[in-house]
Amino acid sequence: MKIRVRSEEHRFTLPIPNCLLMNPATAALCIWAMKKYCKENSDEMFMPQDISYQDLKRLFKVIRKCRRYMRGEPLVYASSKEEGTVEIYL
């Protein structure tokens, strides 16, 4: 995965290995964090019991498989009013 940030003053790329970011240990950590921190704001956010550990593991697996289909296409593209952009590639 590559995260590219561009603005008028700065331009940098952060390479992050997919195996470190999307694995079963990270899925377990995400579920733990959602259960702990989403209870405080449960009226504004989705309920953490809607997503299980198995669902998150399946999502990570599908994202890893999509990598070969999305070569060169950004997964997320966002731009700001100040002409800065953020692109996330798989």
PDB file of N, CA and C in Angstrom:
ATOM      1  N   MET A   1       0.847  -1.157   0.000  1.00  0.00           N
ATOM      2  CA  MET A   1       0.000   0.000   0.000  1.00  0.00           C
ATOM      3  C   MET A   1       0.901   1.231   0.000  1.00  0.00           C
ATOM      4  N   LYS A   2       0.512   2.226  -0.749  1.00  0.00           N
ATOM      5  CA  LYS A   2       1.225   3.500  -0.774  1.00  0.00           C
ATOM      6  C   LYS A   2       0.247   4.611  -0.426  1.00  0.00           C
ATOM      7  N   ILE A   3       0.680   5.492   0.425  1.00  0.00           N
ATOM      8  CA  ILE A   3      -0.111   6.673   0.760  1.00  0.00           C
ATOM      9  C   ILE A   3       0.667   7.871   0.255  1.00  0.00           C
ATOM     10  N   ARG A   4       0.100   8.601  -0.697  1.00  0.00           N
ATOM     11  CA  ARG A   4       0.747   9.777  -1.276  1.00  0.00           C
ATOM     12  C   ARG A   4       0.031  11.032  -0.813  1.00  0.00           C
ATOM     13  N   VAL A   5       0.816  11.969  -0.323  1.00  0.00           N
ATOM     14  CA  VAL A   5       0.278  13.256   0.110  1.00  0.00           C
ATOM     15  C   VAL A   5       0.995  14.333  -0.696  1.00  0.00           C
ATOM     16  N   ARG A   6       0.216  15.187  -1.331  1.00  0.00           N
ATOM     17  CA  ARG A   6       0.788  16.278  -2.129  1.00  0.00           C
ATOM     18  C   ARG A   6       0.113  17.588  -1.747  1.00  0.00           C
ATOM     19  N   SER A   7       0.928  18.593  -1.570  1.00  0.00           N
ATOM     20  CA  SER A   7       0.426  19.952  -1.361  1.00  0.00           C
ATOM     21  C   SER A   7       1.397  20.898  -2.055  1.00  0.00           C
ATOM     22  N   GLU A   8       1.137  22.186  -1.931  1.00  0.00           N
ATOM     23  CA  GLU A   8       2.029  23.153  -2.565  1.00  0.00           C
ATOM     24  C   GLU A   8       3.417  23.123  -1.939  1.00  0.00           C
ATOM     25  N   GLU A   9       3.479  22.878  -0.641  1.00  0.00           N
ATOM     26  CA  GLU A   9       4.765  22.917   0.051  1.00  0.00           C
ATOM     27  C   GLU A   9       5.422  21.553   0.204  1.00  0.00           C
ATOM     28  N   HIS A  10       4.634  20.502   0.346  1.00  0.00           N
ATOM     29  CA  HIS A  10       5.176  19.176   0.657  1.00  0.00           C
ATOM     30  C   HIS A  10       4.663  18.131  -0.320  1.00  0.00           C
ATOM     31  N   ARG A  11       5.499  17.114  -0.490  1.00  0.00           N
ATOM     32  CA  ARG A  11       5.111  15.965  -1.305  1.00  0.00           C
ATOM     33  C   ARG A  11       5.870  14.759  -0.762  1.00  0.00           C
ATOM     34  N   PHE A  12       5.141  13.735  -0.315  1.00  0.00           N
ATOM     35  CA  PHE A  12       5.812  12.540   0.178  1.00  0.00           C
ATOM     36  C   PHE A  12       4.934  11.317  -0.016  1.00  0.00           C
ATOM     37  N   THR A  13       5.579  10.146   0.016  1.00  0.00           N
ATOM     38  CA  THR A  13       4.910   8.856  -0.145  1.00  0.00           C
ATOM     39  C   THR A  13       5.312   7.952   1.002  1.00  0.00           C
ATOM     40  N   LEU A  14       4.321   7.323   1.614  1.00  0.00           N
ATOM     41  CA  LEU A  14       4.567   6.367   2.693  1.00  0.00           C
ATOM     42  C   LEU A  14       4.273   4.960   2.187  1.00  0.00           C
ATOM     43  N   PRO A  15       5.280   4.122   2.004  1.00  0.00           N
ATOM     44  CA  PRO A  15       5.004   2.729   1.638  1.00  0.00           C
ATOM     45  C   PRO A  15       4.726   1.901   2.892  1.00  0.00           C
ATOM     46  N   ILE A  16       3.628   1.171   2.898  1.00  0.00           N
ATOM     47  CA  ILE A  16       3.251   0.318   4.026  1.00  0.00           C
ATOM     48  C   ILE A  16       2.961  -1.072   3.467  1.00  0.00           C
ATOM     49  N   PRO A  17       3.663  -2.104   3.930  1.00  0.00           N
ATOM     50  CA  PRO A  17       3.391  -3.456   3.421  1.00  0.00           C
ATOM     51  C   PRO A  17       1.979  -3.919   3.795  1.00  0.00           C
ATOM     52  N   ASN A  18       1.265  -4.468   2.820  1.00  0.00           N
ATOM     53  CA  ASN A  18      -0.102  -4.945   3.056  1.00  0.00           C
ATOM     54  C   ASN A  18      -0.146  -6.042   4.102  1.00  0.00           C
ATOM     55  N   CYS A  19       0.893  -6.880   4.142  1.00  0.00           N
ATOM     56  CA  CYS A  19       0.880  -7.987   5.099  1.00  0.00           C
ATOM     57  C   CYS A  19       0.944  -7.477   6.536  1.00  0.00           C
ATOM     58  N   LEU A  20       1.512  -6.303   6.763  1.00  0.00           N
ATOM     59  CA  LEU A  20       1.536  -5.727   8.105  1.00  0.00           C
ATOM     60  C   LEU A  20       0.240  -5.011   8.460  1.00  0.00           C
ATOM     61  N   LEU A  21      -0.397  -4.444   7.468  1.00  0.00           N
ATOM     62  CA  LEU A  21      -1.589  -3.643   7.728  1.00  0.00           C
ATOM     63  C   LEU A  21      -2.874  -4.470   7.741  1.00  0.00           C
ATOM     64  N   MET A  22      -2.967  -5.464   6.879  1.00  0.00           N
ATOM     65  CA  MET A  22      -4.209  -6.225   6.741  1.00  0.00           C
ATOM     66  C   MET A  22      -3.966  -7.693   7.065  1.00  0.00           C
ATOM     67  N   ASN A  23      -3.884  -8.009   8.336  1.00  0.00           N
ATOM     68  CA  ASN A  23      -3.692  -9.386   8.773  1.00  0.00           C
ATOM     69  C   ASN A  23      -4.643  -9.680   9.932  1.00  0.00           C
ATOM     70  N   PRO A  24      -4.753 -10.935  10.360  1.00  0.00           N
ATOM     71  CA  PRO A  24      -5.691 -11.271  11.441  1.00  0.00           C
ATOM     72  C   PRO A  24      -5.400 -10.554  12.763  1.00  0.00           C
ATOM     73  N   ALA A  25      -4.127 -10.304  13.068  1.00  0.00           N
ATOM     74  CA  ALA A  25      -3.804  -9.588  14.312  1.00  0.00           C
ATOM     75  C   ALA A  25      -4.322  -8.156  14.266  1.00  0.00           C
ATOM     76  N   THR A  26      -4.188  -7.502  13.126  1.00  0.00           N
ATOM     77  CA  THR A  26      -4.703  -6.137  12.980  1.00  0.00           C
ATOM     78  C   THR A  26      -6.225  -6.130  13.050  1.00  0.00           C
ATOM     79  N   ALA A  27      -6.866  -7.157  12.484  1.00  0.00           N
ATOM     80  CA  ALA A  27      -8.332  -7.255  12.553  1.00  0.00           C
ATOM     81  C   ALA A  27      -8.779  -7.372  14.005  1.00  0.00           C
ATOM     82  N   ALA A  28      -8.076  -8.192  14.793  1.00  0.00           N
ATOM     83  CA  ALA A  28      -8.418  -8.338  16.211  1.00  0.00           C
ATOM     84  C   ALA A  28      -8.224  -7.028  16.959  1.00  0.00           C
ATOM     85  N   LEU A  29      -7.159  -6.308  16.650  1.00  0.00           N
ATOM     86  CA  LEU A  29      -6.892  -5.015  17.286  1.00  0.00           C
ATOM     87  C   LEU A  29      -7.964  -3.991  16.914  1.00  0.00           C
ATOM     88  N   CYS A  30      -8.397  -3.998  15.664  1.00  0.00           N
ATOM     89  CA  CYS A  30      -9.452  -3.069  15.229  1.00  0.00           C
ATOM     90  C   CYS A  30     -10.769  -3.359  15.939  1.00  0.00           C
ATOM     91  N   ILE A  31     -11.115  -4.636  16.069  1.00  0.00           N
ATOM     92  CA  ILE A  31     -12.357  -5.002  16.754  1.00  0.00           C
ATOM     93  C   ILE A  31     -12.297  -4.580  18.213  1.00  0.00           C
ATOM     94  N   TRP A  32     -11.157  -4.809  18.855  1.00  0.00           N
ATOM     95  CA  TRP A  32     -10.991  -4.404  20.256  1.00  0.00           C
ATOM     96  C   TRP A  32     -11.152  -2.890  20.403  1.00  0.00           C
ATOM     97  N   ALA A  33     -10.518  -2.116  19.504  1.00  0.00           N
ATOM     98  CA  ALA A  33     -10.595  -0.650  19.578  1.00  0.00           C
ATOM     99  C   ALA A  33     -12.020  -0.167  19.312  1.00  0.00           C
ATOM    100  N   MET A  34     -12.713  -0.784  18.369  1.00  0.00           N
ATOM    101  CA  MET A  34     -14.085  -0.365  18.082  1.00  0.00           C
ATOM    102  C   MET A  34     -15.000  -0.632  19.267  1.00  0.00           C
ATOM    103  N   LYS A  35     -14.844  -1.781  19.897  1.00  0.00           N
ATOM    104  CA  LYS A  35     -15.688  -2.085  21.047  1.00  0.00           C
ATOM    105  C   LYS A  35     -15.400  -1.159  22.219  1.00  0.00           C
ATOM    106  N   LYS A  36     -14.148  -0.787  22.388  1.00  0.00           N
ATOM    107  CA  LYS A  36     -13.782   0.063  23.520  1.00  0.00           C
ATOM    108  C   LYS A  36     -14.167   1.518  23.299  1.00  0.00           C
ATOM    109  N   TYR A  37     -13.883   2.058  22.119  1.00  0.00           N
ATOM    110  CA  TYR A  37     -14.037   3.492  21.902  1.00  0.00           C
ATOM    111  C   TYR A  37     -15.340   3.895  21.224  1.00  0.00           C
ATOM    112  N   CYS A  38     -16.044   2.999  20.584  1.00  0.00           N
ATOM    113  CA  CYS A  38     -17.298   3.372  19.932  1.00  0.00           C
ATOM    114  C   CYS A  38     -18.470   3.364  20.902  1.00  0.00           C
ATOM    115  N   LYS A  39     -18.316   2.798  22.070  1.00  0.00           N
ATOM    116  CA  LYS A  39     -19.409   2.805  23.047  1.00  0.00           C
ATOM    117  C   LYS A  39     -19.702   4.211  23.537  1.00  0.00           C
ATOM    118  N   GLU A  40     -18.663   5.035  23.621  1.00  0.00           N
ATOM    119  CA  GLU A  40     -18.852   6.404  24.095  1.00  0.00           C
ATOM    120  C   GLU A  40     -19.707   7.218  23.133  1.00  0.00           C
ATOM    121  N   ASN A  41     -19.541   6.989  21.827  1.00  0.00           N
ATOM    122  CA  ASN A  41     -20.254   7.764  20.811  1.00  0.00           C
ATOM    123  C   ASN A  41     -21.210   6.886  20.018  1.00  0.00           C
ATOM    124  N   SER A  42     -21.818   5.906  20.655  1.00  0.00           N
ATOM    125  CA  SER A  42     -22.632   4.938  19.919  1.00  0.00           C
ATOM    126  C   SER A  42     -23.868   5.560  19.273  1.00  0.00           C
ATOM    127  N   ASP A  43     -24.356   6.686  19.782  1.00  0.00           N
ATOM    128  CA  ASP A  43     -25.513   7.303  19.167  1.00  0.00           C
ATOM    129  C   ASP A  43     -25.155   7.987  17.850  1.00  0.00           C
ATOM    130  N   GLU A  44     -23.897   8.402  17.684  1.00  0.00           N
ATOM    131  CA  GLU A  44     -23.480   9.077  16.462  1.00  0.00           C
ATOM    132  C   GLU A  44     -22.846   8.124  15.452  1.00  0.00           C
ATOM    133  N   MET A  45     -22.335   7.004  15.909  1.00  0.00           N
ATOM    134  CA  MET A  45     -21.627   6.075  15.032  1.00  0.00           C
ATOM    135  C   MET A  45     -22.375   4.754  14.964  1.00  0.00           C
ATOM    136  N   PHE A  46     -21.904   3.859  14.096  1.00  0.00           N
ATOM    137  CA  PHE A  46     -22.513   2.543  14.023  1.00  0.00           C
ATOM    138  C   PHE A  46     -22.175   1.766  15.293  1.00  0.00           C
ATOM    139  N   MET A  47     -22.977   0.783  15.573  1.00  0.00           N
ATOM    140  CA  MET A  47     -22.750  -0.029  16.768  1.00  0.00           C
ATOM    141  C   MET A  47     -21.624  -1.025  16.500  1.00  0.00           C
ATOM    142  N   PRO A  48     -20.663  -1.183  17.395  1.00  0.00           N
ATOM    143  CA  PRO A  48     -19.535  -2.072  17.143  1.00  0.00           C
ATOM    144  C   PRO A  48     -19.909  -3.539  17.015  1.00  0.00           C
ATOM    145  N   GLN A  49     -21.047  -3.973  17.542  1.00  0.00           N
ATOM    146  CA  GLN A  49     -21.404  -5.375  17.421  1.00  0.00           C
ATOM    147  C   GLN A  49     -21.869  -5.715  16.007  1.00  0.00           C
ATOM    148  N   ASP A  50     -22.046  -4.720  15.146  1.00  0.00           N
ATOM    149  CA  ASP A  50     -22.437  -4.985  13.766  1.00  0.00           C
ATOM    150  C   ASP A  50     -21.319  -5.642  12.967  1.00  0.00           C
ATOM    151  N   ILE A  51     -20.071  -5.434  13.330  1.00  0.00           N
ATOM    152  CA  ILE A  51     -18.927  -5.988  12.623  1.00  0.00           C
ATOM    153  C   ILE A  51     -18.223  -6.968  13.546  1.00  0.00           C
ATOM    154  N   SER A  52     -18.009  -8.171  13.049  1.00  0.00           N
ATOM    155  CA  SER A  52     -17.316  -9.186  13.841  1.00  0.00           C
ATOM    156  C   SER A  52     -15.873  -9.322  13.363  1.00  0.00           C
ATOM    157  N   TYR A  53     -15.110 -10.071  14.113  1.00  0.00           N
ATOM    158  CA  TYR A  53     -13.720 -10.350  13.762  1.00  0.00           C
ATOM    159  C   TYR A  53     -13.652 -11.084  12.421  1.00  0.00           C
ATOM    160  N   GLN A  54     -14.541 -12.036  12.206  1.00  0.00           N
ATOM    161  CA  GLN A  54     -14.546 -12.797  10.956  1.00  0.00           C
ATOM    162  C   GLN A  54     -14.883 -11.896   9.763  1.00  0.00           C
ATOM    163  N   ASP A  55     -15.807 -10.949   9.948  1.00  0.00           N
ATOM    164  CA  ASP A  55     -16.152 -10.016   8.875  1.00  0.00           C
ATOM    165  C   ASP A  55     -14.955  -9.162   8.488  1.00  0.00           C
ATOM    166  N   LEU A  56     -14.237  -8.677   9.475  1.00  0.00           N
ATOM    167  CA  LEU A  56     -13.073  -7.835   9.207  1.00  0.00           C
ATOM    168  C   LEU A  56     -11.955  -8.637   8.558  1.00  0.00           C
ATOM    169  N   LYS A  57     -11.762  -9.884   8.978  1.00  0.00           N
ATOM    170  CA  LYS A  57     -10.764 -10.739   8.342  1.00  0.00           C
ATOM    171  C   LYS A  57     -11.113 -10.973   6.872  1.00  0.00           C
ATOM    172  N   ARG A  58     -12.393 -11.215   6.588  1.00  0.00           N
ATOM    173  CA  ARG A  58     -12.828 -11.410   5.203  1.00  0.00           C
ATOM    174  C   ARG A  58     -12.626 -10.142   4.379  1.00  0.00           C
ATOM    175  N   LEU A  59     -12.917  -8.974   4.959  1.00  0.00           N
ATOM    176  CA  LEU A  59     -12.718  -7.710   4.263  1.00  0.00           C
ATOM    177  C   LEU A  59     -11.251  -7.512   3.917  1.00  0.00           C
ATOM    178  N   PHE A  60     -10.355  -7.760   4.864  1.00  0.00           N
ATOM    179  CA  PHE A  60      -8.924  -7.620   4.603  1.00  0.00           C
ATOM    180  C   PHE A  60      -8.471  -8.581   3.504  1.00  0.00           C
ATOM    181  N   LYS A  61      -9.008  -9.795   3.502  1.00  0.00           N
ATOM    182  CA  LYS A  61      -8.637 -10.780   2.487  1.00  0.00           C
ATOM    183  C   LYS A  61      -9.079 -10.331   1.098  1.00  0.00           C
ATOM    184  N   VAL A  62     -10.276  -9.795   0.995  1.00  0.00           N
ATOM    185  CA  VAL A  62     -10.786  -9.319  -0.300  1.00  0.00           C
ATOM    186  C   VAL A  62      -9.983  -8.111  -0.777  1.00  0.00           C
ATOM    187  N   ILE A  63      -9.621  -7.208   0.112  1.00  0.00           N
ATOM    188  CA  ILE A  63      -8.815  -6.055  -0.271  1.00  0.00           C
ATOM    189  C   ILE A  63      -7.455  -6.503  -0.784  1.00  0.00           C
ATOM    190  N   ARG A  64      -6.850  -7.501  -0.126  1.00  0.00           N
ATOM    191  CA  ARG A  64      -5.557  -8.011  -0.593  1.00  0.00           C
ATOM    192  C   ARG A  64      -5.692  -8.651  -1.975  1.00  0.00           C
ATOM    193  N   LYS A  65      -6.811  -9.346  -2.235  1.00  0.00           N
ATOM    194  CA  LYS A  65      -7.024  -9.949  -3.547  1.00  0.00           C
ATOM    195  C   LYS A  65      -7.250  -8.890  -4.627  1.00  0.00           C
ATOM    196  N   CYS A  66      -7.890  -7.790  -4.271  1.00  0.00           N
ATOM    197  CA  CYS A  66      -8.177  -6.728  -5.243  1.00  0.00           C
ATOM    198  C   CYS A  66      -6.918  -6.003  -5.705  1.00  0.00           C
ATOM    199  N   ARG A  67      -5.838  -6.205  -5.019  1.00  0.00           N
ATOM    200  CA  ARG A  67      -4.609  -5.492  -5.349  1.00  0.00           C
ATOM    201  C   ARG A  67      -4.191  -5.732  -6.798  1.00  0.00           C
ATOM    202  N   ARG A  68      -4.313  -6.971  -7.274  1.00  0.00           N
ATOM    203  CA  ARG A  68      -3.873  -7.239  -8.644  1.00  0.00           C
ATOM    204  C   ARG A  68      -4.827  -6.670  -9.684  1.00  0.00           C
ATOM    205  N   TYR A  69      -6.079  -6.408  -9.320  1.00  0.00           N
ATOM    206  CA  TYR A  69      -7.035  -5.831 -10.259  1.00  0.00           C
ATOM    207  C   TYR A  69      -6.960  -4.308 -10.306  1.00  0.00           C
ATOM    208  N   MET A  70      -6.461  -3.689  -9.251  1.00  0.00           N
ATOM    209  CA  MET A  70      -6.467  -2.227  -9.150  1.00  0.00           C
ATOM    210  C   MET A  70      -5.094  -1.611  -9.380  1.00  0.00           C
ATOM    211  N   ARG A  71      -4.227  -2.265 -10.080  1.00  0.00           N
ATOM    212  CA  ARG A  71      -2.882  -1.722 -10.314  1.00  0.00           C
ATOM    213  C   ARG A  71      -2.980  -0.351 -10.989  1.00  0.00           C
ATOM    214  N   GLY A  72      -2.403   0.641 -10.360  1.00  0.00           N
ATOM    215  CA  GLY A  72      -2.387   1.976 -10.926  1.00  0.00           C
ATOM    216  C   GLY A  72      -3.605   2.830 -10.601  1.00  0.00           C
ATOM    217  N   GLU A  73      -4.635   2.231 -10.054  1.00  0.00           N
ATOM    218  CA  GLU A  73      -5.838   2.983  -9.691  1.00  0.00           C
ATOM    219  C   GLU A  73      -5.841   3.232  -8.188  1.00  0.00           C
ATOM    220  N   PRO A  74      -6.144   4.454  -7.753  1.00  0.00           N
ATOM    221  CA  PRO A  74      -6.171   4.704  -6.309  1.00  0.00           C
ATOM    222  C   PRO A  74      -7.412   4.089  -5.653  1.00  0.00           C
ATOM    223  N   LEU A  75      -7.220   3.581  -4.463  1.00  0.00           N
ATOM    224  CA  LEU A  75      -8.335   3.062  -3.668  1.00  0.00           C
ATOM    225  C   LEU A  75      -9.144   4.225  -3.115  1.00  0.00           C
ATOM    226  N   VAL A  76      -8.440   5.267  -2.648  1.00  0.00           N
ATOM    227  CA  VAL A  76      -9.068   6.471  -2.117  1.00  0.00           C
ATOM    228  C   VAL A  76      -8.349   7.674  -2.709  1.00  0.00           C
ATOM    229  N   TYR A  77      -9.107   8.665  -3.148  1.00  0.00           N
ATOM    230  CA  TYR A  77      -8.550   9.913  -3.666  1.00  0.00           C
ATOM    231  C   TYR A  77      -9.322  11.057  -3.032  1.00  0.00           C
ATOM    232  N   ALA A  78      -8.615  11.935  -2.362  1.00  0.00           N
ATOM    233  CA  ALA A  78      -9.270  13.076  -1.710  1.00  0.00           C
ATOM    234  C   ALA A  78      -8.470  14.337  -1.988  1.00  0.00           C
ATOM    235  N   SER A  79      -9.165  15.431  -2.221  1.00  0.00           N
ATOM    236  CA  SER A  79      -8.487  16.708  -2.425  1.00  0.00           C
ATOM    237  C   SER A  79      -9.105  17.751  -1.508  1.00  0.00           C
ATOM    238  N   SER A  80      -8.306  18.759  -1.162  1.00  0.00           N
ATOM    239  CA  SER A  80      -8.767  19.811  -0.263  1.00  0.00           C
ATOM    240  C   SER A  80      -8.901  21.125  -1.016  1.00  0.00           C
ATOM    241  N   LYS A  81      -9.449  22.107  -0.351  1.00  0.00           N
ATOM    242  CA  LYS A  81      -9.602  23.427  -0.963  1.00  0.00           C
ATOM    243  C   LYS A  81      -8.253  24.101  -1.207  1.00  0.00           C
ATOM    244  N   GLU A  82      -7.273  23.773  -0.374  1.00  0.00           N
ATOM    245  CA  GLU A  82      -5.944  24.385  -0.492  1.00  0.00           C
ATOM    246  C   GLU A  82      -5.063  23.678  -1.508  1.00  0.00           C
ATOM    247  N   GLU A  83      -5.646  22.925  -2.437  1.00  0.00           N
ATOM    248  CA  GLU A  83      -4.944  22.214  -3.506  1.00  0.00           C
ATOM    249  C   GLU A  83      -4.029  21.115  -3.023  1.00  0.00           C
ATOM    250  N   GLY A  84      -4.344  20.522  -1.904  1.00  0.00           N
ATOM    251  CA  GLY A  84      -3.619  19.354  -1.420  1.00  0.00           C
ATOM    252  C   GLY A  84      -4.396  18.102  -1.768  1.00  0.00           C
ATOM    253  N   THR A  85      -3.712  17.007  -2.035  1.00  0.00           N
ATOM    254  CA  THR A  85      -4.370  15.750  -2.356  1.00  0.00           C
ATOM    255  C   THR A  85      -3.786  14.615  -1.523  1.00  0.00           C
ATOM    256  N   VAL A  86      -4.616  13.614  -1.272  1.00  0.00           N
ATOM    257  CA  VAL A  86      -4.197  12.386  -0.615  1.00  0.00           C
ATOM    258  C   VAL A  86      -4.692  11.229  -1.477  1.00  0.00           C
ATOM    259  N   GLU A  87      -3.783  10.325  -1.852  1.00  0.00           N
ATOM    260  CA  GLU A  87      -4.132   9.162  -2.653  1.00  0.00           C
ATOM    261  C   GLU A  87      -3.644   7.919  -1.905  1.00  0.00           C
ATOM    262  N   ILE A  88      -4.472   6.886  -1.873  1.00  0.00           N
ATOM    263  CA  ILE A  88      -4.092   5.619  -1.253  1.00  0.00           C
ATOM    264  C   ILE A  88      -4.190   4.550  -2.318  1.00  0.00           C
ATOM    265  N   TYR A  89      -3.069   3.917  -2.603  1.00  0.00           N
ATOM    266  CA  TYR A  89      -2.977   2.845  -3.595  1.00  0.00           C
ATOM    267  C   TYR A  89      -2.758   1.519  -2.889  1.00  0.00           C
ATOM    268  N   LEU A  90      -3.292   0.437  -3.437  1.00  0.00           N
ATOM    269  CA  LEU A  90      -3.021  -0.897  -2.913  1.00  0.00           C
ATOM    270  C   LEU A  90      -1.773  -1.441  -3.532  1.00  0.00           C
TER     271      LEU A  90
END
